[in-house]
C-alpha atoms as a PDB file:
ATOM      1  CA  UNK A   1      -0.016  -0.038  -0.051  1.00  0.00           C
ATOM      2  CA  UNK A   2       1.526   3.240  -0.933  1.00  0.00           C
ATOM      3  CA  UNK A   3       1.751   6.179   1.448  1.00  0.00           C
ATOM      4  CA  UNK A   4      -0.732   8.611  -0.394  1.00  0.00           C
ATOM      5  CA  UNK A   5      -3.366   5.970  -1.284  1.00  0.00           C
ATOM      6  CA  UNK A   6      -6.927   7.118  -1.090  1.00  0.00           C
ATOM      7  CA  UNK A   7     -10.055   5.513  -2.041  1.00  0.00           C
ATOM      8  CA  UNK A   8     -11.669   6.583  -5.419  1.00  0.00           C
ATOM      9  CA  UNK A   9     -15.112   6.386  -3.966  1.00  0.00           C
ATOM     10  CA  UNK A  10     -16.668   8.808  -1.495  1.00  0.00           C
ATOM     11  CA  UNK A  11     -17.030   7.089   1.926  1.00  0.00           C
ATOM     12  CA  UNK A  12     -20.878   7.699   1.882  1.00  0.00           C
ATOM     13  CA  UNK A  13     -21.004   5.230  -1.017  1.00  0.00           C
ATOM     14  CA  UNK A  14     -18.423   2.598   0.134  1.00  0.00           C
ATOM     15  CA  UNK A  15     -19.456   2.024   3.709  1.00  0.00           C
ATOM     16  CA  UNK A  16     -21.556  -1.087   4.994  1.00  0.00           C
ATOM     17  CA  UNK A  17     -25.291  -0.507   5.370  1.00  0.00           C
ATOM     18  CA  UNK A  18     -26.203   1.100   8.736  1.00  0.00           C
ATOM     19  CA  UNK A  19     -22.398   1.604   9.563  1.00  0.00           C
ATOM     20  CA  UNK A  20     -21.276   5.000   8.184  1.00  0.00           C
ATOM     21  CA  UNK A  21     -17.642   6.261   8.564  1.00  0.00           C
ATOM     22  CA  UNK A  22     -17.143   8.766  11.211  1.00  0.00           C
ATOM     23  CA  UNK A  23     -18.305  12.308  10.406  1.00  0.00           C
ATOM     24  CA  UNK A  24     -14.983  13.911  10.295  1.00  0.00           C
ATOM     25  CA  UNK A  25     -13.667  11.404   7.622  1.00  0.00           C
ATOM     26  CA  UNK A  26     -12.529  13.062   4.425  1.00  0.00           C
ATOM     27  CA  UNK A  27     -14.768  12.499   1.518  1.00  0.00           C
ATOM     28  CA  UNK A  28     -12.088  10.105  -0.228  1.00  0.00           C
ATOM     29  CA  UNK A  29     -10.530   8.532   2.898  1.00  0.00           C
ATOM     30  CA  UNK A  30      -6.912   7.406   3.042  1.00  0.00           C
ATOM     31  CA  UNK A  31      -6.075   3.754   3.519  1.00  0.00           C
ATOM     32  CA  UNK A  32      -5.599   4.568   7.139  1.00  0.00           C
ATOM     33  CA  UNK A  33      -9.062   5.812   7.495  1.00  0.00           C
ATOM     34  CA  UNK A  34     -10.412   2.539   5.941  1.00  0.00           C
ATOM     35  CA  UNK A  35      -8.314   0.433   8.201  1.00  0.00           C
ATOM     36  CA  UNK A  36      -9.601   2.332  11.316  1.00  0.00           C
ATOM     37  CA  UNK A  37     -13.205   2.017  10.021  1.00  0.00           C
ATOM     38  CA  UNK A  38     -12.872  -1.723   9.726  1.00  0.00           C
ATOM     39  CA  UNK A  39     -11.056  -2.168  12.836  1.00  0.00           C
ATOM     40  CA  UNK A  40     -13.651  -0.273  14.922  1.00  0.00           C
ATOM     41  CA  UNK A  41     -16.601  -2.089  13.017  1.00  0.00           C
ATOM     42  CA  UNK A  42     -14.918  -5.432  14.087  1.00  0.00           C
ATOM     43  CA  UNK A  43     -14.786  -4.338  17.585  1.00  0.00           C
ATOM     44  CA  UNK A  44     -18.284  -2.798  17.692  1.00  0.00           C
ATOM     45  CA  UNK A  45     -19.727  -6.157  16.271  1.00  0.00           C
ATOM     46  CA  UNK A  46     -17.809  -8.272  18.584  1.00  0.00           C
ATOM     47  CA  UNK A  47     -16.230 -10.018  15.635  1.00  0.00           C
ATOM     48  CA  UNK A  48     -12.593 -10.150  16.987  1.00  0.00           C
ATOM     49  CA  UNK A  49     -13.024 -13.268  19.013  1.00  0.00           C
ATOM     50  CA  UNK A  50     -13.965 -15.217  15.904  1.00  0.00           C
ATOM     51  CA  UNK A  51     -10.806 -13.863  13.831  1.00  0.00           C
ATOM     52  CA  UNK A  52      -7.567 -15.795  13.996  1.00  0.00           C
ATOM     53  CA  UNK A  53      -4.616 -13.515  13.114  1.00  0.00           C
ATOM     54  CA  UNK A  54      -1.271 -14.631  11.951  1.00  0.00           C
ATOM     55  CA  UNK A  55      -2.687 -17.847  10.650  1.00  0.00           C
ATOM     56  CA  UNK A  56      -1.925 -19.326   7.249  1.00  0.00           C
ATOM     57  CA  UNK A  57      -4.365 -21.465   5.331  1.00  0.00           C
ATOM     58  CA  UNK A  58      -2.196 -24.053   3.687  1.00  0.00           C
ATOM     59  CA  UNK A  59      -4.657 -26.366   2.129  1.00  0.00           C
ATOM     60  CA  UNK A  60      -8.337 -27.056   1.841  1.00  0.00           C
ATOM     61  CA  UNK A  61      -9.833 -30.166   0.560  1.00  0.00           C
ATOM     62  CA  UNK A  62     -13.402 -31.580   0.354  1.00  0.00           C
ATOM     63  CA  UNK A  63     -13.558 -35.211   1.569  1.00  0.00           C
ATOM     64  CA  UNK A  64     -16.363 -37.247   2.817  1.00  0.00           C
ATOM     65  CA  UNK A  65     -18.710 -34.176   2.407  1.00  0.00           C
ATOM     66  CA  UNK A  66     -16.864 -31.821   4.461  1.00  0.00           C
ATOM     67  CA  UNK A  67     -14.081 -29.353   4.022  1.00  0.00           C
ATOM     68  CA  UNK A  68     -10.733 -30.286   5.795  1.00  0.00           C
ATOM     69  CA  UNK A  69      -8.859 -27.104   6.266  1.00  0.00           C
ATOM     70  CA  UNK A  70      -5.112 -27.320   7.097  1.00  0.00           C
ATOM     71  CA  UNK A  71      -3.682 -24.079   8.869  1.00  0.00           C
ATOM     72  CA  UNK A  72      -0.405 -23.034  10.460  1.00  0.00           C
ATOM     73  CA  UNK A  73      -0.024 -20.367  13.057  1.00  0.00           C
ATOM     74  CA  UNK A  74       3.037 -19.109  15.076  1.00  0.00           C
ATOM     75  CA  UNK A  75       2.302 -21.774  17.690  1.00  0.00           C
ATOM     76  CA  UNK A  76       1.122 -24.930  15.779  1.00  0.00           C
ATOM     77  CA  UNK A  77      -0.296 -26.592  12.736  1.00  0.00           C
ATOM     78  CA  UNK A  78      -3.684 -28.328  12.747  1.00  0.00           C
ATOM     79  CA  UNK A  79      -6.507 -29.284  10.649  1.00  0.00           C
ATOM     80  CA  UNK A  80     -10.321 -28.504  11.139  1.00  0.00           C
ATOM     81  CA  UNK A  81     -13.513 -29.707   9.481  1.00  0.00           C
ATOM     82  CA  UNK A  82     -16.225 -27.314   8.084  1.00  0.00           C
ATOM     83  CA  UNK A  83     -19.609 -27.858   6.252  1.00  0.00           C
ATOM     84  CA  UNK A  84     -19.006 -24.985   3.979  1.00  0.00           C
ATOM     85  CA  UNK A  85     -15.834 -22.820   2.874  1.00  0.00           C
ATOM     86  CA  UNK A  86     -15.970 -19.043   2.191  1.00  0.00           C
ATOM     87  CA  UNK A  87     -12.971 -17.722   0.307  1.00  0.00           C
ATOM     88  CA  UNK A  88     -12.747 -13.874   0.880  1.00  0.00           C
ATOM     89  CA  UNK A  89      -8.868 -13.513   0.256  1.00  0.00           C
ATOM     90  CA  UNK A  90      -9.013 -10.376  -1.952  1.00  0.00           C
ATOM     91  CA  UNK A  91      -7.489  -9.905  -5.358  1.00  0.00           C
ATOM     92  CA  UNK A  92      -4.446  -7.715  -4.843  1.00  0.00           C
ATOM     93  CA  UNK A  93      -1.685 -10.176  -3.825  1.00  0.00           C
ATOM     94  CA  UNK A  94      -0.258 -11.838  -6.895  1.00  0.00           C
ATOM     95  CA  UNK A  95       0.997  -9.106  -9.444  1.00  0.00           C
ATOM     96  CA  UNK A  96       0.147  -9.724 -13.174  1.00  0.00           C
ATOM     97  CA  UNK A  97       3.114  -8.766 -15.482  1.00  0.00           C
ATOM     98  CA  UNK A  98       2.546  -9.177 -19.178  1.00  0.00           C
ATOM     99  CA  UNK A  99       4.718 -11.574 -21.207  1.00  0.00           C
ATOM    100  CA  UNK A 100       6.627  -8.994 -23.152  1.00  0.00           C
ATOM    101  CA  UNK A 101       9.423 -10.309 -25.304  1.00  0.00           C
ATOM    102  CA  UNK A 102      12.889  -9.544 -23.890  1.00  0.00           C
ATOM    103  CA  UNK A 103      11.567  -8.851 -20.444  1.00  0.00           C
ATOM    104  CA  UNK A 104      13.236 -11.861 -18.733  1.00  0.00           C
ATOM    105  CA  UNK A 105      16.688 -10.467 -20.212  1.00  0.00           C
ATOM    106  CA  UNK A 106      15.791  -6.963 -19.013  1.00  0.00           C
ATOM    107  CA  UNK A 107      15.189  -8.166 -15.706  1.00  0.00           C
ATOM    108  CA  UNK A 108      18.784  -9.321 -15.289  1.00  0.00           C
ATOM    109  CA  UNK A 109      20.135  -5.923 -16.231  1.00  0.00           C
ATOM    110  CA  UNK A 110      20.977  -3.851 -12.992  1.00  0.00           C
ATOM    111  CA  UNK A 111      20.789  -0.524 -14.966  1.00  0.00           C
ATOM    112  CA  UNK A 112      16.942  -0.589 -15.304  1.00  0.00           C
ATOM    113  CA  UNK A 113      14.794  -0.937 -12.108  1.00  0.00           C
ATOM    114  CA  UNK A 114      11.584  -3.158 -12.482  1.00  0.00           C
ATOM    115  CA  UNK A 115       8.663  -3.121 -10.055  1.00  0.00           C
ATOM    116  CA  UNK A 116       4.883  -3.705  -9.912  1.00  0.00           C
ATOM    117  CA  UNK A 117       2.613  -1.137  -8.705  1.00  0.00           C
ATOM    118  CA  UNK A 118       2.062  -3.331  -5.618  1.00  0.00           C
ATOM    119  CA  UNK A 119       5.652  -2.495  -4.493  1.00  0.00           C
ATOM    120  CA  UNK A 120       5.366   1.228  -4.971  1.00  0.00           C
ATOM    121  CA  UNK A 121       5.378   3.356  -1.847  1.00  0.00           C
ATOM    122  CA  UNK A 122       6.247   6.979  -2.436  1.00  0.00           C
ATOM    123  CA  UNK A 123       7.332   9.295  -5.135  1.00  0.00           C
ATOM    124  CA  UNK A 124      10.511  10.593  -3.476  1.00  0.00           C
ATOM    125  CA  UNK A 125      12.264   7.129  -4.294  1.00  0.00           C
ATOM    126  CA  UNK A 126      12.093   8.272  -7.960  1.00  0.00           C
ATOM    127  CA  UNK A 127      13.633  11.813  -7.791  1.00  0.00           C
ATOM    128  CA  UNK A 128      15.190  12.745 -11.005  1.00  0.00           C
ATOM    129  CA  UNK A 129      14.506   9.329 -12.691  1.00  0.00           C
ATOM    130  CA  UNK A 130      13.019   8.735 -15.925  1.00  0.00           C
ATOM    131  CA  UNK A 131      10.140   6.439 -15.693  1.00  0.00           C
ATOM    132  CA  UNK A 132       7.916   4.087 -17.813  1.00  0.00           C
ATOM    133  CA  UNK A 133       4.617   3.264 -16.310  1.00  0.00           C
ATOM    134  CA  UNK A 134       2.875   0.395 -18.194  1.00  0.00           C
ATOM    135  CA  UNK A 135      -0.893   0.279 -17.530  1.00  0.00           C
ATOM    136  CA  UNK A 136      -3.735   2.668 -17.218  1.00  0.00           C
ATOM    137  CA  UNK A 137      -5.692   1.398 -14.040  1.00  0.00           C
ATOM    138  CA  UNK A 138      -6.191   3.436 -10.909  1.00  0.00           C
ATOM    139  CA  UNK A 139      -2.826   2.586  -9.197  1.00  0.00           C
ATOM    140  CA  UNK A 140      -0.910   3.351 -12.545  1.00  0.00           C
ATOM    141  CA  UNK A 141      -2.742   6.728 -12.764  1.00  0.00           C
ATOM    142  CA  UNK A 142      -1.822   7.527  -9.148  1.00  0.00           C
ATOM    143  CA  UNK A 143       1.918   6.605  -9.686  1.00  0.00           C
ATOM    144  CA  UNK A 144       2.025   8.688 -12.838  1.00  0.00           C
ATOM    145  CA  UNK A 145       0.442  11.671 -11.080  1.00  0.00           C
ATOM    146  CA  UNK A 146       2.743  11.362  -7.984  1.00  0.00           C
ATOM    147  CA  UNK A 147       6.012  10.673  -9.645  1.00  0.00           C
ATOM    148  CA  UNK A 148       5.539  13.376 -12.287  1.00  0.00           C
ATOM    149  CA  UNK A 149       6.108  15.944  -9.679  1.00  0.00           C
ATOM    150  CA  UNK A 150       9.744  14.737  -8.820  1.00  0.00           C
ATOM    151  CA  UNK A 151      10.828  12.674 -11.752  1.00  0.00           C
ATOM    152  CA  UNK A 152      12.981  13.888 -14.762  1.00  0.00           C
ATOM    153  CA  UNK A 153      10.455  12.344 -17.085  1.00  0.00           C
ATOM    154  CA  UNK A 154       7.463   9.998 -17.168  1.00  0.00           C
ATOM    155  CA  UNK A 155       6.197   7.958 -19.979  1.00  0.00           C
ATOM    156  CA  UNK A 156       2.747   6.340 -20.021  1.00  0.00           C
ATOM    157  CA  UNK A 157       0.276   5.027 -22.518  1.00  0.00           C
ATOM    158  CA  UNK A 158      -3.030   6.838 -21.567  1.00  0.00           C
ATOM    159  CA  UNK A 159      -5.500   9.091 -23.426  1.00  0.00           C
ATOM    160  CA  UNK A 160      -5.001  12.095 -20.979  1.00  0.00           C
ATOM    161  CA  UNK A 161      -1.658  12.888 -19.211  1.00  0.00           C
ATOM    162  CA  UNK A 162      -0.837  15.151 -16.344  1.00  0.00           C
ATOM    163  CA  UNK A 163       2.102  17.625 -16.874  1.00  0.00           C
ATOM    164  CA  UNK A 164       5.541  16.072 -17.430  1.00  0.00           C
ATOM    165  CA  UNK A 165       3.927  12.900 -18.578  1.00  0.00           C
ATOM    166  CA  UNK A 166       4.562  11.786 -22.255  1.00  0.00           C
ATOM    167  CA  UNK A 167       2.008   9.655 -23.958  1.00  0.00           C
ATOM    168  CA  UNK A 168       3.748   6.576 -25.878  1.00  0.00           C
ATOM    169  CA  UNK A 169       2.304   3.533 -27.531  1.00  0.00           C
ATOM    170  CA  UNK A 170       1.972   0.163 -26.199  1.00  0.00           C
ATOM    171  CA  UNK A 171       5.276  -1.746 -25.486  1.00  0.00           C
ATOM    172  CA  UNK A 172       6.119  -4.349 -28.131  1.00  0.00           C
ATOM    173  CA  UNK A 173       9.491  -5.659 -26.778  1.00  0.00           C
ATOM    174  CA  UNK A 174      12.415  -5.033 -24.541  1.00  0.00           C
ATOM    175  CA  UNK A 175      15.896  -5.324 -26.070  1.00  0.00           C
ATOM    176  CA  UNK A 176      19.251  -5.480 -24.069  1.00  0.00           C
ATOM    177  CA  UNK A 177      22.663  -5.144 -25.613  1.00  0.00           C
ATOM    178  CA  UNK A 178      24.714  -7.914 -24.204  1.00  0.00           C
ATOM    179  CA  UNK A 179      28.000  -6.025 -24.528  1.00  0.00           C
ATOM    180  CA  UNK A 180      27.140  -2.737 -22.988  1.00  0.00           C
ATOM    181  CA  UNK A 181      24.196  -3.796 -20.870  1.00  0.00           C
ATOM    182  CA  UNK A 182      22.125  -0.849 -22.235  1.00  0.00           C
ATOM    183  CA  UNK A 183      18.465  -1.440 -22.927  1.00  0.00           C
ATOM    184  CA  UNK A 184      16.064  -0.132 -25.398  1.00  0.00           C
ATOM    185  CA  UNK A 185      12.180  -0.321 -25.315  1.00  0.00           C
ATOM    186  CA  UNK A 186      10.554  -0.835 -28.634  1.00  0.00           C
ATOM    187  CA  UNK A 187       7.008   0.423 -28.846  1.00  0.00           C
ATOM    188  CA  UNK A 188       4.233  -0.676 -31.230  1.00  0.00           C
ATOM    189  CA  UNK A 189       4.356   2.311 -33.236  1.00  0.00           C
ATOM    190  CA  UNK A 190       8.044   1.603 -34.181  1.00  0.00           C
ATOM    191  CA  UNK A 191       9.487   4.321 -31.859  1.00  0.00           C
ATOM    192  CA  UNK A 192      11.884   3.566 -29.051  1.00  0.00           C
ATOM    193  CA  UNK A 193      12.737   4.681 -25.549  1.00  0.00           C
ATOM    194  CA  UNK A 194      16.441   4.440 -24.511  1.00  0.00           C
ATOM    195  CA  UNK A 195      16.489   6.684 -21.445  1.00  0.00           C
ATOM    196  CA  UNK A 196      14.424   4.776 -18.942  1.00  0.00           C
ATOM    197  CA  UNK A 197      15.606   4.136 -15.480  1.00  0.00           C
ATOM    198  CA  UNK A 198      12.536   2.546 -13.890  1.00  0.00           C
ATOM    199  CA  UNK A 199       9.704   0.505 -15.293  1.00  0.00           C
ATOM    200  CA  UNK A 200       6.561   0.231 -13.135  1.00  0.00           C
ATOM    201  CA  UNK A 201       4.050  -2.340 -14.202  1.00  0.00           C
ATOM    202  CA  UNK A 202       0.602  -1.007 -13.187  1.00  0.00           C
ATOM    203  CA  UNK A 203      -0.865  -3.965 -15.041  1.00  0.00           C
ATOM    204  CA  UNK A 204      -3.038  -5.366 -12.376  1.00  0.00           C
ATOM    205  CA  UNK A 205      -3.302  -8.636 -10.373  1.00  0.00           C
ATOM    206  CA  UNK A 206      -3.934 -12.475 -10.915  1.00  0.00           C
ATOM    207  CA  UNK A 207      -6.517 -14.521  -9.246  1.00  0.00           C
ATOM    208  CA  UNK A 208      -4.769 -16.984  -6.963  1.00  0.00           C
ATOM    209  CA  UNK A 209      -5.951 -19.545  -4.345  1.00  0.00           C
ATOM    210  CA  UNK A 210      -2.898 -21.591  -3.613  1.00  0.00           C
ATOM    211  CA  UNK A 211      -4.665 -23.378  -0.633  1.00  0.00           C
ATOM    212  CA  UNK A 212      -7.180 -25.015  -3.189  1.00  0.00           C
ATOM    213  CA  UNK A 213      -5.528 -27.974  -4.848  1.00  0.00           C
ATOM    214  CA  UNK A 214      -7.737 -27.944  -7.933  1.00  0.00           C
ATOM    215  CA  UNK A 215      -7.604 -24.275  -8.454  1.00  0.00           C
ATOM    216  CA  UNK A 216      -5.086 -24.166 -11.409  1.00  0.00           C
ATOM    217  CA  UNK A 217      -7.090 -26.475 -13.763  1.00  0.00           C
ATOM    218  CA  UNK A 218     -10.561 -25.866 -12.759  1.00  0.00           C
ATOM    219  CA  UNK A 219     -10.846 -22.285 -11.236  1.00  0.00           C
ATOM    220  CA  UNK A 220      -8.475 -19.742 -12.484  1.00  0.00           C
ATOM    221  CA  UNK A 221      -6.344 -21.412 -15.368  1.00  0.00           C
ATOM    222  CA  UNK A 222      -4.420 -18.197 -16.591  1.00  0.00           C
ATOM    223  CA  UNK A 223      -5.257 -16.381 -13.445  1.00  0.00           C
ATOM    224  CA  UNK A 224      -7.251 -13.636 -15.355  1.00  0.00           C
ATOM    225  CA  UNK A 225     -10.721 -14.963 -14.258  1.00  0.00           C
ATOM    226  CA  UNK A 226     -12.343 -17.399 -11.923  1.00  0.00           C
ATOM    227  CA  UNK A 227     -14.282 -19.925 -13.839  1.00  0.00           C
ATOM    228  CA  UNK A 228     -17.241 -22.350 -13.083  1.00  0.00           C
ATOM    229  CA  UNK A 229     -19.028 -20.010 -10.712  1.00  0.00           C
ATOM    230  CA  UNK A 230     -22.811 -19.213 -10.347  1.00  0.00           C
ATOM    231  CA  UNK A 231     -23.414 -15.476  -9.743  1.00  0.00           C
ATOM    232  CA  UNK A 232     -19.684 -14.959  -9.476  1.00  0.00           C
ATOM    233  CA  UNK A 233     -19.966 -16.601  -6.044  1.00  0.00           C
ATOM    234  CA  UNK A 234     -20.932 -20.364  -5.856  1.00  0.00           C
ATOM    235  CA  UNK A 235     -18.616 -23.187  -7.244  1.00  0.00           C
ATOM    236  CA  UNK A 236     -20.910 -25.007  -9.732  1.00  0.00           C
ATOM    237  CA  UNK A 237     -19.320 -28.361  -8.786  1.00  0.00           C
ATOM    238  CA  UNK A 238     -19.765 -27.879  -5.131  1.00  0.00           C
ATOM    239  CA  UNK A 239     -21.795 -24.956  -3.941  1.00  0.00           C
ATOM    240  CA  UNK A 240     -20.514 -25.369  -0.407  1.00  0.00           C
ATOM    241  CA  UNK A 241     -17.555 -23.350  -1.644  1.00  0.00           C
ATOM    242  CA  UNK A 242     -18.307 -19.535  -2.125  1.00  0.00           C
ATOM    243  CA  UNK A 243     -16.263 -16.585  -3.079  1.00  0.00           C
ATOM    244  CA  UNK A 244     -16.850 -13.118  -1.957  1.00  0.00           C
ATOM    245  CA  UNK A 245     -15.656  -9.980  -3.561  1.00  0.00           C
ATOM    246  CA  UNK A 246     -14.391 -11.294  -6.935  1.00  0.00           C
ATOM    247  CA  UNK A 247     -15.860  -8.693  -9.303  1.00  0.00           C
ATOM    248  CA  UNK A 248     -13.843  -5.560  -9.949  1.00  0.00           C
ATOM    249  CA  UNK A 249     -14.807  -2.096 -10.731  1.00  0.00           C
ATOM    250  CA  UNK A 250     -17.530  -2.396  -8.327  1.00  0.00           C
ATOM    251  CA  UNK A 251     -18.303  -0.741  -4.779  1.00  0.00           C
ATOM    252  CA  UNK A 252     -16.649  -3.472  -2.805  1.00  0.00           C
ATOM    253  CA  UNK A 253     -17.954  -3.388   0.766  1.00  0.00           C
ATOM    254  CA  UNK A 254     -21.642  -2.955  -0.057  1.00  0.00           C
ATOM    255  CA  UNK A 255     -21.350  -5.593  -2.629  1.00  0.00           C
ATOM    256  CA  UNK A 256     -19.760  -8.036  -0.256  1.00  0.00           C
ATOM    257  CA  UNK A 257     -22.320  -7.384   2.276  1.00  0.00           C
ATOM    258  CA  UNK A 258     -25.091  -8.249   0.005  1.00  0.00           C
ATOM    259  CA  UNK A 259     -23.220 -11.422  -1.253  1.00  0.00           C
ATOM    260  CA  UNK A 260     -22.898 -12.566   2.298  1.00  0.00           C
ATOM    261  CA  UNK A 261     -26.701 -12.139   2.731  1.00  0.00           C
ATOM    262  CA  UNK A 262     -27.304 -14.323  -0.360  1.00  0.00           C
ATOM    263  CA  UNK A 263     -24.705 -16.780   0.712  1.00  0.00           C
ATOM    264  CA  UNK A 264     -26.268 -17.208   4.244  1.00  0.00           C
ATOM    265  CA  UNK A 265     -29.902 -17.415   2.869  1.00  0.00           C
ATOM    266  CA  UNK A 266     -28.754 -20.021   0.278  1.00  0.00           C
ATOM    267  CA  UNK A 267     -26.877 -22.203   2.808  1.00  0.00           C
ATOM    268  CA  UNK A 268     -29.698 -21.862   5.158  1.00  0.00           C
ATOM    269  CA  UNK A 269     -32.268 -23.172   2.730  1.00  0.00           C
ATOM    270  CA  UNK A 270     -34.181 -19.960   2.565  1.00  0.00           C
ATOM    271  CA  UNK A 271     -33.536 -19.151  -1.065  1.00  0.00           C
ATOM    272  CA  UNK A 272     -32.836 -21.482  -4.153  1.00  0.00           C
ATOM    273  CA  UNK A 273     -29.675 -21.233  -6.203  1.00  0.00           C
END
């Protein structure tokens, strides 16, 4: 999470039903405001006794009509059984980096720094650098805006650019000179960039559920989408497995609250699939 991260939705829209943010919250809260909001809500609703912190879910398998969940904490490893399993692990842990020709070789070149937006923290780290930001999502736009105030030059492929940002075409391939170690970025319009110090991939994230043994073949395949779900929630082959918060470009907290209601009503037999 970068230091200046704020929501791109007003807090009046993104809060849970009947649980507004504090009145003195800025219209677009910072990440610390959101953390404080969720922490206080967990205390108010007495949820903390039901949460196990510092606990890693290593594997979850469905056997003999129950989910056997193997977990590991600081103190011990153990397995528990459950009738149903909810996966609400989020979508911002495994970075997606496009497979651009020459990238593997460029990664060995110490002259050019490579990072994903997940690892970006503050603009001061890029003082005087020439930066290429690949991608046009929310994080990429934030990084372009912040670094353009301190960088020597910022390149990005977007329709509209803040000051000191130069619009360029999509990246076609990376080239590295084996003798000199110098690099060149070839764009799809046949132009090149040869002065880049840092490349930031603001290219999104992959879905990943490493604790589900069948995830690679049945669920995520390439990682771009979660397959075989009903209503973006219930696993079709076994609806005792439910995912919350998978859709992107949504209002996340209200969506997950309503998904939870649907999940609870379905599993309690109050509504059909």
